Amino acid sequence: MLELPVELLEDSRGLSFPSLSLFLVVGLFLWAAGGVFHRFWLVSLATLAGGLVGLESGQRFHLQPIVAGVLFAFTSGALALALVDLAIFLIGALAALTLLRAAAPPGTEPLPFVLGGGLVFLMLRTFWMVLTTAAAGSLVLILTILSFMDRGKHLDAVDWSAGHQKLLLGAQGVLTMLGALAQWMVSRWNQPDDESAEESRQERKPGRKRESS
């Protein structure tokens, strides 16, 4: 679970009302459907980050900033999903190696456990994406709501948050679990039922098309 960064509340005081509203919408989307549409999020963020890096470092490679920005953006977007899978595999391998060193007797061959841990994390990538996006969305929602209350002079969000960290972390944990449940419901709703899927497959068969014609 992500710890609440109180210093961001101070920075949010300089944001306009439309900007806070945009953060609220993004937080809701992350919280309710971030893991379901994680490919969209990853490719979009990687493309944006790559474009910004290209604009900043284009002259270093003797390229026009706009050309470097476009090249970096497309390359980052194309490699995003593959790099995320690699990162998930490495995290799983590192977790398995750490657990092995803590629990296994000395001299145990680590390679099978490292590879197995990486593969398990890869197979459960959707689960990790759901938890991560639900936690991130919960964090954005809490920060945005506190910023709205601070803007409306209902409370001093910075001082109040500094004295209620445990309460805020508990609220974030509950919101994360609710977000994971909401994403599971969205994924079920987004999947067609078996009957409609079978009907669509039957309609795409060449024989059915000739009969209908």
N, C-alpha and C. Protein backbone atom coordinates (compact mmCIF):
# COMPACT_ATOMS: atom_id res chain seq x y z
N MET A 1 0.84 -1.19 0.00
CA MET A 1 0.00 0.00 0.00
C MET A 1 0.88 1.24 0.00
N LEU A 2 0.44 2.24 -0.76
CA LEU A 2 1.23 3.45 -0.91
C LEU A 2 1.02 4.38 0.26
N GLU A 3 2.12 4.88 0.84
CA GLU A 3 2.01 5.79 1.97
C GLU A 3 1.57 7.17 1.48
N LEU A 4 0.76 7.83 2.29
CA LEU A 4 0.21 9.12 1.90
C LEU A 4 1.30 10.19 1.95
N PRO A 5 1.64 10.80 0.81
CA PRO A 5 2.65 11.87 0.81
C PRO A 5 2.01 13.21 1.16
N VAL A 6 2.20 13.64 2.39
CA VAL A 6 1.55 14.86 2.86
C VAL A 6 2.06 16.09 2.11
N GLU A 7 3.32 16.05 1.65
CA GLU A 7 3.88 17.22 0.97
C GLU A 7 3.14 17.53 -0.33
N LEU A 8 2.49 16.51 -0.93
CA LEU A 8 1.73 16.78 -2.15
C LEU A 8 0.51 17.66 -1.87
N LEU A 9 -0.01 17.60 -0.64
CA LEU A 9 -1.14 18.46 -0.30
C LEU A 9 -0.75 19.93 -0.33
N GLU A 10 0.48 20.23 0.08
CA GLU A 10 0.95 21.61 0.00
C GLU A 10 1.05 22.07 -1.45
N ASP A 11 1.56 21.19 -2.31
CA ASP A 11 1.68 21.55 -3.73
C ASP A 11 0.31 21.70 -4.38
N SER A 12 -0.68 20.91 -3.92
CA SER A 12 -2.00 20.96 -4.55
C SER A 12 -2.73 22.27 -4.28
N ARG A 13 -2.27 23.05 -3.31
CA ARG A 13 -2.92 24.33 -3.04
C ARG A 13 -2.76 25.31 -4.19
N GLY A 14 -1.79 25.09 -5.03
CA GLY A 14 -1.60 25.96 -6.19
C GLY A 14 -2.37 25.53 -7.42
N LEU A 15 -3.09 24.40 -7.33
CA LEU A 15 -3.85 23.91 -8.48
C LEU A 15 -5.20 24.59 -8.57
N SER A 16 -5.68 24.73 -9.79
CA SER A 16 -6.99 25.33 -10.01
C SER A 16 -8.09 24.30 -9.79
N PHE A 17 -9.33 24.77 -9.72
CA PHE A 17 -10.46 23.87 -9.52
C PHE A 17 -10.60 22.87 -10.67
N PRO A 18 -10.49 23.29 -11.96
CA PRO A 18 -10.55 22.30 -13.04
C PRO A 18 -9.45 21.24 -12.95
N SER A 19 -8.25 21.65 -12.52
CA SER A 19 -7.17 20.67 -12.40
C SER A 19 -7.47 19.63 -11.32
N LEU A 20 -8.00 20.08 -10.18
CA LEU A 20 -8.39 19.14 -9.13
C LEU A 20 -9.50 18.22 -9.60
N SER A 21 -10.45 18.77 -10.37
CA SER A 21 -11.54 17.95 -10.90
C SER A 21 -11.00 16.89 -11.85
N LEU A 22 -10.00 17.26 -12.66
CA LEU A 22 -9.39 16.28 -13.56
C LEU A 22 -8.70 15.17 -12.78
N PHE A 23 -7.98 15.53 -11.72
CA PHE A 23 -7.35 14.52 -10.87
C PHE A 23 -8.39 13.60 -10.24
N LEU A 24 -9.53 14.16 -9.87
CA LEU A 24 -10.60 13.33 -9.29
C LEU A 24 -11.11 12.31 -10.29
N VAL A 25 -11.30 12.74 -11.55
CA VAL A 25 -11.78 11.82 -12.58
C VAL A 25 -10.74 10.74 -12.86
N VAL A 26 -9.47 11.14 -12.95
CA VAL A 26 -8.40 10.16 -13.20
C VAL A 26 -8.30 9.17 -12.04
N GLY A 27 -8.42 9.67 -10.81
CA GLY A 27 -8.39 8.78 -9.65
C GLY A 27 -9.53 7.78 -9.65
N LEU A 28 -10.73 8.25 -10.01
CA LEU A 28 -11.88 7.34 -10.07
C LEU A 28 -11.68 6.28 -11.14
N PHE A 29 -11.15 6.68 -12.30
CA PHE A 29 -10.94 5.71 -13.38
C PHE A 29 -9.87 4.70 -13.00
N LEU A 30 -8.78 5.18 -12.38
CA LEU A 30 -7.75 4.26 -11.90
C LEU A 30 -8.31 3.29 -10.87
N TRP A 31 -9.09 3.82 -9.94
CA TRP A 31 -9.63 3.02 -8.84
C TRP A 31 -10.60 1.97 -9.34
N ALA A 32 -11.46 2.32 -10.30
CA ALA A 32 -12.54 1.43 -10.71
C ALA A 32 -12.20 0.56 -11.91
N ALA A 33 -11.26 0.97 -12.75
CA ALA A 33 -11.01 0.21 -13.98
C ALA A 33 -9.55 0.25 -14.41
N GLY A 34 -8.64 0.66 -13.54
CA GLY A 34 -7.25 0.79 -13.95
C GLY A 34 -6.61 -0.52 -14.35
N GLY A 35 -6.86 -1.58 -13.58
CA GLY A 35 -6.27 -2.87 -13.90
C GLY A 35 -6.88 -3.52 -15.13
N VAL A 36 -8.17 -3.27 -15.36
CA VAL A 36 -8.85 -3.84 -16.52
C VAL A 36 -8.27 -3.27 -17.80
N PHE A 37 -7.97 -1.98 -17.79
CA PHE A 37 -7.43 -1.30 -18.97
C PHE A 37 -5.96 -0.93 -18.75
N HIS A 38 -5.21 -1.83 -18.09
CA HIS A 38 -3.83 -1.48 -17.75
C HIS A 38 -2.96 -1.32 -18.98
N ARG A 39 -3.26 -2.01 -20.07
CA ARG A 39 -2.47 -1.85 -21.28
C ARG A 39 -2.57 -0.42 -21.81
N PHE A 40 -3.79 0.12 -21.78
CA PHE A 40 -3.98 1.51 -22.22
C PHE A 40 -3.18 2.46 -21.35
N TRP A 41 -3.25 2.28 -20.03
CA TRP A 41 -2.51 3.15 -19.12
C TRP A 41 -1.02 3.07 -19.36
N LEU A 42 -0.50 1.85 -19.47
CA LEU A 42 0.95 1.68 -19.60
C LEU A 42 1.47 2.27 -20.90
N VAL A 43 0.78 1.97 -21.99
CA VAL A 43 1.23 2.49 -23.28
C VAL A 43 1.12 4.01 -23.32
N SER A 44 0.03 4.56 -22.77
CA SER A 44 -0.15 6.02 -22.77
C SER A 44 0.92 6.71 -21.94
N LEU A 45 1.17 6.20 -20.73
CA LEU A 45 2.18 6.82 -19.87
C LEU A 45 3.58 6.70 -20.47
N ALA A 46 3.89 5.52 -21.03
CA ALA A 46 5.21 5.34 -21.63
C ALA A 46 5.38 6.24 -22.85
N THR A 47 4.33 6.38 -23.66
CA THR A 47 4.40 7.26 -24.83
C THR A 47 4.60 8.71 -24.42
N LEU A 48 3.84 9.14 -23.41
CA LEU A 48 3.98 10.52 -22.93
C LEU A 48 5.38 10.77 -22.35
N ALA A 49 5.85 9.83 -21.52
CA ALA A 49 7.18 10.00 -20.91
C ALA A 49 8.27 10.00 -21.98
N GLY A 50 8.16 9.09 -22.95
CA GLY A 50 9.15 9.05 -24.02
C GLY A 50 9.15 10.32 -24.85
N GLY A 51 7.97 10.85 -25.13
CA GLY A 51 7.89 12.10 -25.88
C GLY A 51 8.53 13.26 -25.14
N LEU A 52 8.30 13.34 -23.84
CA LEU A 52 8.90 14.42 -23.04
C LEU A 52 10.42 14.30 -22.99
N VAL A 53 10.91 13.06 -22.83
CA VAL A 53 12.36 12.85 -22.83
C VAL A 53 12.97 13.23 -24.18
N GLY A 54 12.28 12.86 -25.26
CA GLY A 54 12.77 13.21 -26.58
C GLY A 54 12.82 14.71 -26.82
N LEU A 55 11.80 15.42 -26.36
CA LEU A 55 11.79 16.87 -26.51
C LEU A 55 12.93 17.53 -25.74
N GLU A 56 13.24 16.98 -24.56
CA GLU A 56 14.28 17.57 -23.73
C GLU A 56 15.69 17.24 -24.23
N SER A 57 15.86 16.04 -24.79
CA SER A 57 17.22 15.59 -25.13
C SER A 57 17.46 15.51 -26.63
N GLY A 58 16.57 16.07 -27.44
CA GLY A 58 16.75 15.99 -28.88
C GLY A 58 18.02 16.63 -29.37
N GLN A 59 18.36 17.80 -28.87
CA GLN A 59 19.56 18.50 -29.31
C GLN A 59 20.83 17.73 -28.95
N ARG A 60 20.77 16.95 -27.90
CA ARG A 60 21.94 16.16 -27.51
C ARG A 60 22.29 15.12 -28.57
N PHE A 61 21.27 14.65 -29.32
CA PHE A 61 21.48 13.67 -30.39
C PHE A 61 21.47 14.33 -31.76
N HIS A 62 21.59 15.67 -31.80
CA HIS A 62 21.62 16.43 -33.04
C HIS A 62 20.35 16.21 -33.86
N LEU A 63 19.21 16.20 -33.17
CA LEU A 63 17.91 16.05 -33.81
C LEU A 63 17.03 17.23 -33.42
N GLN A 64 16.09 17.54 -34.31
CA GLN A 64 15.09 18.53 -33.95
C GLN A 64 14.26 18.00 -32.77
N PRO A 65 13.92 18.84 -31.80
CA PRO A 65 13.17 18.35 -30.63
C PRO A 65 11.88 17.64 -30.99
N ILE A 66 11.15 18.15 -31.99
CA ILE A 66 9.87 17.51 -32.35
C ILE A 66 10.11 16.13 -32.95
N VAL A 67 11.18 15.98 -33.76
CA VAL A 67 11.50 14.68 -34.35
C VAL A 67 11.91 13.69 -33.27
N ALA A 68 12.79 14.13 -32.37
CA ALA A 68 13.21 13.26 -31.27
C ALA A 68 12.04 12.90 -30.37
N GLY A 69 11.14 13.86 -30.12
CA GLY A 69 9.97 13.58 -29.29
C GLY A 69 9.08 12.51 -29.89
N VAL A 70 8.82 12.61 -31.20
CA VAL A 70 7.97 11.62 -31.87
C VAL A 70 8.63 10.25 -31.86
N LEU A 71 9.94 10.20 -32.18
CA LEU A 71 10.64 8.91 -32.20
C LEU A 71 10.67 8.26 -30.82
N PHE A 72 11.00 9.04 -29.80
CA PHE A 72 11.04 8.50 -28.44
C PHE A 72 9.64 8.06 -27.99
N ALA A 73 8.62 8.82 -28.36
CA ALA A 73 7.26 8.49 -27.94
C ALA A 73 6.80 7.16 -28.54
N PHE A 74 6.99 6.99 -29.85
CA PHE A 74 6.55 5.75 -30.50
C PHE A 74 7.36 4.55 -30.00
N THR A 75 8.66 4.74 -29.82
CA THR A 75 9.50 3.64 -29.34
C THR A 75 9.11 3.22 -27.92
N SER A 76 8.89 4.20 -27.05
CA SER A 76 8.51 3.89 -25.67
C SER A 76 7.16 3.20 -25.62
N GLY A 77 6.20 3.67 -26.41
CA GLY A 77 4.89 3.03 -26.43
C GLY A 77 4.94 1.60 -26.94
N ALA A 78 5.79 1.36 -27.97
CA ALA A 78 5.89 0.01 -28.53
C ALA A 78 6.55 -0.97 -27.57
N LEU A 79 7.52 -0.48 -26.78
CA LEU A 79 8.25 -1.36 -25.87
C LEU A 79 7.64 -1.45 -24.48
N ALA A 80 6.60 -0.66 -24.21
CA ALA A 80 6.09 -0.55 -22.84
C ALA A 80 5.65 -1.89 -22.28
N LEU A 81 4.81 -2.61 -23.01
CA LEU A 81 4.25 -3.85 -22.48
C LEU A 81 5.33 -4.91 -22.28
N ALA A 82 6.28 -4.99 -23.23
CA ALA A 82 7.36 -5.97 -23.08
C ALA A 82 8.23 -5.64 -21.87
N LEU A 83 8.53 -4.37 -21.68
CA LEU A 83 9.37 -3.98 -20.54
C LEU A 83 8.65 -4.19 -19.22
N VAL A 84 7.33 -3.98 -19.20
CA VAL A 84 6.57 -4.22 -17.98
C VAL A 84 6.58 -5.70 -17.62
N ASP A 85 6.42 -6.57 -18.61
CA ASP A 85 6.51 -8.00 -18.35
C ASP A 85 7.88 -8.38 -17.80
N LEU A 86 8.92 -7.79 -18.37
CA LEU A 86 10.27 -8.06 -17.87
C LEU A 86 10.43 -7.57 -16.43
N ALA A 87 9.89 -6.39 -16.13
CA ALA A 87 9.98 -5.86 -14.77
C ALA A 87 9.22 -6.75 -13.78
N ILE A 88 8.03 -7.22 -14.17
CA ILE A 88 7.25 -8.10 -13.30
C ILE A 88 8.00 -9.40 -13.05
N PHE A 89 8.62 -9.95 -14.10
CA PHE A 89 9.40 -11.19 -13.94
C PHE A 89 10.56 -10.97 -12.97
N LEU A 90 11.28 -9.86 -13.11
CA LEU A 90 12.42 -9.59 -12.24
C LEU A 90 11.99 -9.39 -10.80
N ILE A 91 10.85 -8.73 -10.59
CA ILE A 91 10.34 -8.54 -9.23
C ILE A 91 10.00 -9.89 -8.60
N GLY A 92 9.33 -10.76 -9.37
CA GLY A 92 9.02 -12.09 -8.85
C GLY A 92 10.26 -12.91 -8.56
N ALA A 93 11.25 -12.82 -9.44
CA ALA A 93 12.50 -13.55 -9.22
C ALA A 93 13.22 -13.04 -7.97
N LEU A 94 13.24 -11.72 -7.79
CA LEU A 94 13.89 -11.15 -6.61
C LEU A 94 13.16 -11.54 -5.33
N ALA A 95 11.82 -11.55 -5.38
CA ALA A 95 11.05 -11.95 -4.20
C ALA A 95 11.31 -13.41 -3.85
N ALA A 96 11.37 -14.27 -4.87
CA ALA A 96 11.65 -15.69 -4.61
C ALA A 96 13.05 -15.88 -4.05
N LEU A 97 14.02 -15.13 -4.57
CA LEU A 97 15.39 -15.24 -4.08
C LEU A 97 15.50 -14.77 -2.63
N THR A 98 14.80 -13.69 -2.30
CA THR A 98 14.81 -13.20 -0.92
C THR A 98 14.19 -14.21 0.03
N LEU A 99 13.05 -14.79 -0.37
CA LEU A 99 12.40 -15.80 0.46
C LEU A 99 13.27 -17.05 0.60
N LEU A 100 13.96 -17.42 -0.47
CA LEU A 100 14.82 -18.60 -0.44
C LEU A 100 15.97 -18.41 0.54
N ARG A 101 16.59 -17.25 0.51
CA ARG A 101 17.71 -16.98 1.42
C ARG A 101 17.27 -16.94 2.88
N ALA A 102 16.01 -16.56 3.11
CA ALA A 102 15.53 -16.47 4.48
C ALA A 102 15.07 -17.81 5.03
N ALA A 103 14.58 -18.71 4.17
CA ALA A 103 13.95 -19.93 4.66
C ALA A 103 14.71 -21.21 4.30
N ALA A 104 15.41 -21.23 3.16
CA ALA A 104 16.03 -22.47 2.71
C ALA A 104 17.39 -22.66 3.36
N PRO A 105 17.83 -23.92 3.50
CA PRO A 105 19.17 -24.18 4.06
C PRO A 105 20.26 -23.74 3.09
N PRO A 106 21.45 -23.43 3.60
CA PRO A 106 22.55 -23.01 2.73
C PRO A 106 22.89 -24.10 1.71
N GLY A 107 23.29 -23.68 0.53
CA GLY A 107 23.66 -24.61 -0.52
C GLY A 107 22.52 -24.98 -1.45
N THR A 108 21.32 -24.49 -1.19
CA THR A 108 20.18 -24.78 -2.07
C THR A 108 20.36 -24.04 -3.39
N GLU A 109 20.15 -24.76 -4.49
CA GLU A 109 20.29 -24.16 -5.81
C GLU A 109 19.17 -23.14 -6.03
N PRO A 110 19.50 -21.87 -6.26
CA PRO A 110 18.45 -20.85 -6.34
C PRO A 110 17.77 -20.74 -7.69
N LEU A 111 18.40 -21.24 -8.78
CA LEU A 111 17.88 -20.98 -10.12
C LEU A 111 16.44 -21.45 -10.32
N PRO A 112 16.07 -22.70 -9.93
CA PRO A 112 14.67 -23.10 -10.14
C PRO A 112 13.68 -22.21 -9.40
N PHE A 113 14.02 -21.80 -8.20
CA PHE A 113 13.11 -20.95 -7.42
C PHE A 113 13.02 -19.55 -8.02
N VAL A 114 14.14 -19.03 -8.49
CA VAL A 114 14.14 -17.70 -9.11
C VAL A 114 13.28 -17.69 -10.37
N LEU A 115 13.48 -18.70 -11.23
CA LEU A 115 12.68 -18.77 -12.45
C LEU A 115 11.21 -19.02 -12.14
N GLY A 116 10.95 -19.90 -11.15
CA GLY A 116 9.56 -20.16 -10.77
C GLY A 116 8.87 -18.93 -10.21
N GLY A 117 9.57 -18.18 -9.37
CA GLY A 117 8.98 -16.96 -8.82
C GLY A 117 8.66 -15.94 -9.89
N GLY A 118 9.57 -15.78 -10.86
CA GLY A 118 9.31 -14.86 -11.96
C GLY A 118 8.12 -15.29 -12.80
N LEU A 119 8.01 -16.59 -13.07
CA LEU A 119 6.88 -17.09 -13.87
C LEU A 119 5.56 -16.93 -13.13
N VAL A 120 5.55 -17.19 -11.82
CA VAL A 120 4.32 -17.02 -11.04
C VAL A 120 3.86 -15.56 -11.07
N PHE A 121 4.79 -14.65 -10.91
CA PHE A 121 4.42 -13.23 -10.96
C PHE A 121 3.91 -12.85 -12.34
N LEU A 122 4.50 -13.44 -13.40
CA LEU A 122 4.03 -13.14 -14.75
C LEU A 122 2.61 -13.65 -14.97
N MET A 123 2.33 -14.87 -14.48
CA MET A 123 0.99 -15.43 -14.65
C MET A 123 -0.06 -14.65 -13.87
N LEU A 124 0.36 -13.99 -12.79
CA LEU A 124 -0.56 -13.21 -11.96
C LEU A 124 -0.43 -11.72 -12.23
N ARG A 125 0.02 -11.36 -13.44
CA ARG A 125 0.26 -9.94 -13.73
C ARG A 125 -1.01 -9.11 -13.59
N THR A 126 -2.16 -9.67 -14.00
CA THR A 126 -3.41 -8.91 -13.89
C THR A 126 -3.75 -8.64 -12.44
N PHE A 127 -3.49 -9.61 -11.56
CA PHE A 127 -3.75 -9.43 -10.14
C PHE A 127 -2.92 -8.28 -9.58
N TRP A 128 -1.62 -8.25 -9.93
CA TRP A 128 -0.76 -7.18 -9.44
C TRP A 128 -1.18 -5.83 -10.01
N MET A 129 -1.59 -5.82 -11.29
CA MET A 129 -2.04 -4.57 -11.90
C MET A 129 -3.29 -4.04 -11.21
N VAL A 130 -4.21 -4.95 -10.89
CA VAL A 130 -5.45 -4.53 -10.22
C VAL A 130 -5.13 -3.92 -8.86
N LEU A 131 -4.30 -4.60 -8.07
CA LEU A 131 -3.95 -4.07 -6.75
C LEU A 131 -3.20 -2.74 -6.84
N THR A 132 -2.26 -2.66 -7.78
CA THR A 132 -1.46 -1.44 -7.90
C THR A 132 -2.32 -0.26 -8.33
N THR A 133 -3.17 -0.45 -9.34
CA THR A 133 -4.00 0.65 -9.81
C THR A 133 -5.07 1.02 -8.79
N ALA A 134 -5.61 0.03 -8.07
CA ALA A 134 -6.59 0.35 -7.03
C ALA A 134 -5.95 1.16 -5.91
N ALA A 135 -4.72 0.79 -5.52
CA ALA A 135 -4.02 1.55 -4.48
C ALA A 135 -3.66 2.95 -4.96
N ALA A 136 -3.18 3.06 -6.21
CA ALA A 136 -2.85 4.38 -6.74
C ALA A 136 -4.09 5.25 -6.89
N GLY A 137 -5.19 4.66 -7.37
CA GLY A 137 -6.43 5.42 -7.48
C GLY A 137 -6.95 5.87 -6.13
N SER A 138 -6.84 5.01 -5.12
CA SER A 138 -7.26 5.39 -3.76
C SER A 138 -6.44 6.55 -3.24
N LEU A 139 -5.13 6.51 -3.50
CA LEU A 139 -4.25 7.60 -3.07
C LEU A 139 -4.63 8.92 -3.73
N VAL A 140 -4.88 8.88 -5.05
CA VAL A 140 -5.26 10.10 -5.78
C VAL A 140 -6.60 10.62 -5.27
N LEU A 141 -7.55 9.73 -5.02
CA LEU A 141 -8.87 10.16 -4.52
C LEU A 141 -8.76 10.83 -3.16
N ILE A 142 -8.01 10.21 -2.25
CA ILE A 142 -7.87 10.79 -0.90
C ILE A 142 -7.20 12.16 -0.96
N LEU A 143 -6.12 12.26 -1.74
CA LEU A 143 -5.43 13.55 -1.86
C LEU A 143 -6.33 14.61 -2.48
N THR A 144 -7.11 14.21 -3.50
CA THR A 144 -7.97 15.18 -4.17
C THR A 144 -9.10 15.64 -3.25
N ILE A 145 -9.71 14.71 -2.53
CA ILE A 145 -10.80 15.08 -1.62
C ILE A 145 -10.28 16.00 -0.51
N LEU A 146 -9.12 15.68 0.04
CA LEU A 146 -8.53 16.55 1.06
C LEU A 146 -8.20 17.93 0.48
N SER A 147 -7.75 17.97 -0.76
CA SER A 147 -7.45 19.26 -1.39
C SER A 147 -8.71 20.08 -1.59
N PHE A 148 -9.81 19.42 -1.98
CA PHE A 148 -11.09 20.13 -2.11
C PHE A 148 -11.54 20.69 -0.76
N MET A 149 -11.40 19.89 0.29
CA MET A 149 -11.81 20.36 1.62
C MET A 149 -10.91 21.49 2.10
N ASP A 150 -9.62 21.41 1.78
CA ASP A 150 -8.70 22.49 2.14
C ASP A 150 -9.05 23.77 1.38
N ARG A 151 -9.41 23.63 0.12
CA ARG A 151 -9.78 24.80 -0.68
C ARG A 151 -11.06 25.44 -0.16
N GLY A 152 -11.99 24.61 0.33
CA GLY A 152 -13.23 25.15 0.87
C GLY A 152 -13.13 25.61 2.30
N LYS A 153 -11.91 25.61 2.87
CA LYS A 153 -11.66 26.08 4.24
C LYS A 153 -12.37 25.24 5.29
N HIS A 154 -12.68 23.96 4.94
CA HIS A 154 -13.31 23.08 5.93
C HIS A 154 -12.28 22.56 6.93
N LEU A 155 -11.03 22.43 6.49
CA LEU A 155 -9.95 22.01 7.40
C LEU A 155 -8.62 22.36 6.76
N ASP A 156 -7.57 22.36 7.59
CA ASP A 156 -6.21 22.51 7.09
C ASP A 156 -5.71 21.11 6.74
N ALA A 157 -5.73 20.78 5.45
CA ALA A 157 -5.47 19.40 5.02
C ALA A 157 -4.08 18.94 5.42
N VAL A 158 -3.09 19.81 5.36
CA VAL A 158 -1.71 19.41 5.67
C VAL A 158 -1.57 19.05 7.14
N ASP A 159 -2.02 19.93 8.03
CA ASP A 159 -1.90 19.66 9.47
C ASP A 159 -2.76 18.47 9.88
N TRP A 160 -3.98 18.40 9.34
CA TRP A 160 -4.87 17.30 9.71
C TRP A 160 -4.30 15.96 9.26
N SER A 161 -3.75 15.91 8.04
CA SER A 161 -3.20 14.65 7.52
C SER A 161 -1.97 14.22 8.30
N ALA A 162 -1.14 15.18 8.71
CA ALA A 162 0.05 14.83 9.48
C ALA A 162 -0.30 14.20 10.82
N GLY A 163 -1.44 14.55 11.40
CA GLY A 163 -1.85 13.99 12.68
C GLY A 163 -2.77 12.80 12.58
N HIS A 164 -3.16 12.41 11.38
CA HIS A 164 -4.09 11.28 11.21
C HIS A 164 -3.58 10.32 10.14
N GLN A 165 -2.29 10.03 10.16
CA GLN A 165 -1.71 9.14 9.16
C GLN A 165 -2.29 7.73 9.23
N LYS A 166 -2.46 7.19 10.45
CA LYS A 166 -3.00 5.83 10.57
C LYS A 166 -4.42 5.75 10.04
N LEU A 167 -5.23 6.76 10.33
CA LEU A 167 -6.60 6.78 9.82
C LEU A 167 -6.61 6.84 8.30
N LEU A 168 -5.75 7.66 7.72
CA LEU A 168 -5.70 7.79 6.27
C LEU A 168 -5.19 6.51 5.60
N LEU A 169 -4.19 5.86 6.22
CA LEU A 169 -3.70 4.61 5.66
C LEU A 169 -4.75 3.51 5.75
N GLY A 170 -5.51 3.49 6.86
CA GLY A 170 -6.61 2.54 6.96
C GLY A 170 -7.67 2.78 5.91
N ALA A 171 -8.01 4.06 5.70
CA ALA A 171 -9.00 4.40 4.66
C ALA A 171 -8.49 4.01 3.29
N GLN A 172 -7.20 4.20 3.06
CA GLN A 172 -6.64 3.81 1.77
C GLN A 172 -6.69 2.29 1.57
N GLY A 173 -6.44 1.53 2.66
CA GLY A 173 -6.53 0.08 2.56
C GLY A 173 -7.93 -0.39 2.22
N VAL A 174 -8.93 0.20 2.88
CA VAL A 174 -10.32 -0.17 2.60
C VAL A 174 -10.69 0.20 1.17
N LEU A 175 -10.31 1.42 0.75
CA LEU A 175 -10.60 1.85 -0.62
C LEU A 175 -9.90 0.96 -1.65
N THR A 176 -8.69 0.49 -1.34
CA THR A 176 -7.98 -0.39 -2.27
C THR A 176 -8.73 -1.70 -2.44
N MET A 177 -9.21 -2.29 -1.36
CA MET A 177 -9.97 -3.53 -1.46
C MET A 177 -11.28 -3.32 -2.22
N LEU A 178 -11.96 -2.22 -1.95
CA LEU A 178 -13.19 -1.91 -2.68
C LEU A 178 -12.90 -1.67 -4.16
N GLY A 179 -11.77 -1.01 -4.45
CA GLY A 179 -11.40 -0.79 -5.84
C GLY A 179 -11.10 -2.08 -6.57
N ALA A 180 -10.42 -3.01 -5.89
CA ALA A 180 -10.16 -4.32 -6.51
C ALA A 180 -11.46 -5.05 -6.80
N LEU A 181 -12.43 -4.97 -5.87
CA LEU A 181 -13.73 -5.58 -6.10
C LEU A 181 -14.46 -4.90 -7.25
N ALA A 182 -14.38 -3.57 -7.32
CA ALA A 182 -15.03 -2.85 -8.41
C ALA A 182 -14.41 -3.22 -9.76
N GLN A 183 -13.09 -3.39 -9.79
CA GLN A 183 -12.44 -3.77 -11.05
C GLN A 183 -12.82 -5.19 -11.46
N TRP A 184 -12.98 -6.07 -10.49
CA TRP A 184 -13.43 -7.42 -10.82
C TRP A 184 -14.83 -7.39 -11.43
N MET A 185 -15.72 -6.56 -10.87
CA MET A 185 -17.07 -6.44 -11.41
C MET A 185 -17.05 -5.82 -12.81
N VAL A 186 -16.17 -4.83 -13.02
CA VAL A 186 -16.07 -4.21 -14.34
C VAL A 186 -15.56 -5.22 -15.37
N SER A 187 -14.58 -6.03 -14.98
CA SER A 187 -14.05 -7.04 -15.90
C SER A 187 -15.10 -8.08 -16.24
N ARG A 188 -15.92 -8.48 -15.26
CA ARG A 188 -17.01 -9.42 -15.54
C ARG A 188 -18.04 -8.80 -16.46
N TRP A 189 -18.35 -7.52 -16.23
CA TRP A 189 -19.33 -6.84 -17.07
C TRP A 189 -18.79 -6.62 -18.48
N ASN A 190 -17.47 -6.46 -18.60
CA ASN A 190 -16.86 -6.18 -19.90
C ASN A 190 -16.72 -7.43 -20.75
N GLN A 191 -16.80 -8.62 -20.12
CA GLN A 191 -16.68 -9.86 -20.87
C GLN A 191 -18.05 -10.32 -21.35
N PRO A 192 -18.18 -10.68 -22.64
CA PRO A 192 -19.47 -11.18 -23.12
C PRO A 192 -19.77 -12.54 -22.53
N ASP A 193 -21.06 -12.82 -22.31
CA ASP A 193 -21.42 -14.13 -21.77
C ASP A 193 -21.23 -15.21 -22.84
N ASP A 194 -21.28 -16.46 -22.40
CA ASP A 194 -20.96 -17.58 -23.29
C ASP A 194 -21.94 -17.67 -24.46
N GLU A 195 -23.25 -17.42 -24.20
CA GLU A 195 -24.24 -17.56 -25.26
C GLU A 195 -24.03 -16.53 -26.36
N SER A 196 -23.81 -15.27 -25.97
CA SER A 196 -23.62 -14.24 -26.99
C SER A 196 -22.32 -14.46 -27.75
N ALA A 197 -21.27 -14.95 -27.06
CA ALA A 197 -20.01 -15.24 -27.74
C ALA A 197 -20.19 -16.38 -28.74
N GLU A 198 -20.96 -17.41 -28.37
CA GLU A 198 -21.21 -18.52 -29.28
C GLU A 198 -22.02 -18.07 -30.49
N GLU A 199 -23.03 -17.21 -30.25
CA GLU A 199 -23.82 -16.70 -31.36
C GLU A 199 -22.97 -15.88 -32.33
N SER A 200 -22.09 -15.06 -31.80
CA SER A 200 -21.23 -14.25 -32.67
C SER A 200 -20.28 -15.14 -33.47
N ARG A 201 -19.79 -16.24 -32.85
CA ARG A 201 -18.93 -17.15 -33.60
C ARG A 201 -19.70 -17.85 -34.70
N GLN A 202 -20.95 -18.24 -34.42
CA GLN A 202 -21.76 -18.90 -35.43
C GLN A 202 -22.07 -17.96 -36.59
N GLU A 203 -22.31 -16.69 -36.27
CA GLU A 203 -22.62 -15.73 -37.33
C GLU A 203 -21.43 -15.47 -38.24
N ARG A 204 -20.21 -15.65 -37.72
CA ARG A 204 -19.02 -15.41 -38.52
C ARG A 204 -18.65 -16.60 -39.40
N LYS A 205 -19.32 -17.75 -39.23
CA LYS A 205 -19.01 -18.92 -40.05
C LYS A 205 -19.46 -18.69 -41.49
N PRO A 206 -18.68 -19.16 -42.49
CA PRO A 206 -19.05 -18.93 -43.89
C PRO A 206 -20.38 -19.58 -44.26
N GLY A 207 -20.66 -20.77 -43.71
CA GLY A 207 -21.91 -21.44 -44.03
C GLY A 207 -23.12 -20.65 -43.61
N ARG A 208 -23.07 -20.04 -42.44
CA ARG A 208 -24.19 -19.24 -41.96
C ARG A 208 -24.40 -18.02 -42.84
N LYS A 209 -23.29 -17.44 -43.34
CA LYS A 209 -23.41 -16.28 -44.20
C LYS A 209 -24.10 -16.64 -45.51
N ARG A 210 -23.74 -17.82 -46.10
CA ARG A 210 -24.37 -18.22 -47.35
C ARG A 210 -25.84 -18.51 -47.16
N GLU A 211 -26.19 -19.14 -46.01
CA GLU A 211 -27.59 -19.44 -45.75
C GLU A 211 -28.41 -18.17 -45.63
N SER A 212 -27.85 -17.17 -44.91
CA SER A 212 -28.59 -15.94 -44.72
C SER A 212 -28.76 -15.18 -46.02
N SER A 213 -27.74 -15.33 -46.95
CA SER A 213 -27.86 -14.65 -48.23
C SER A 213 -28.81 -15.41 -49.15
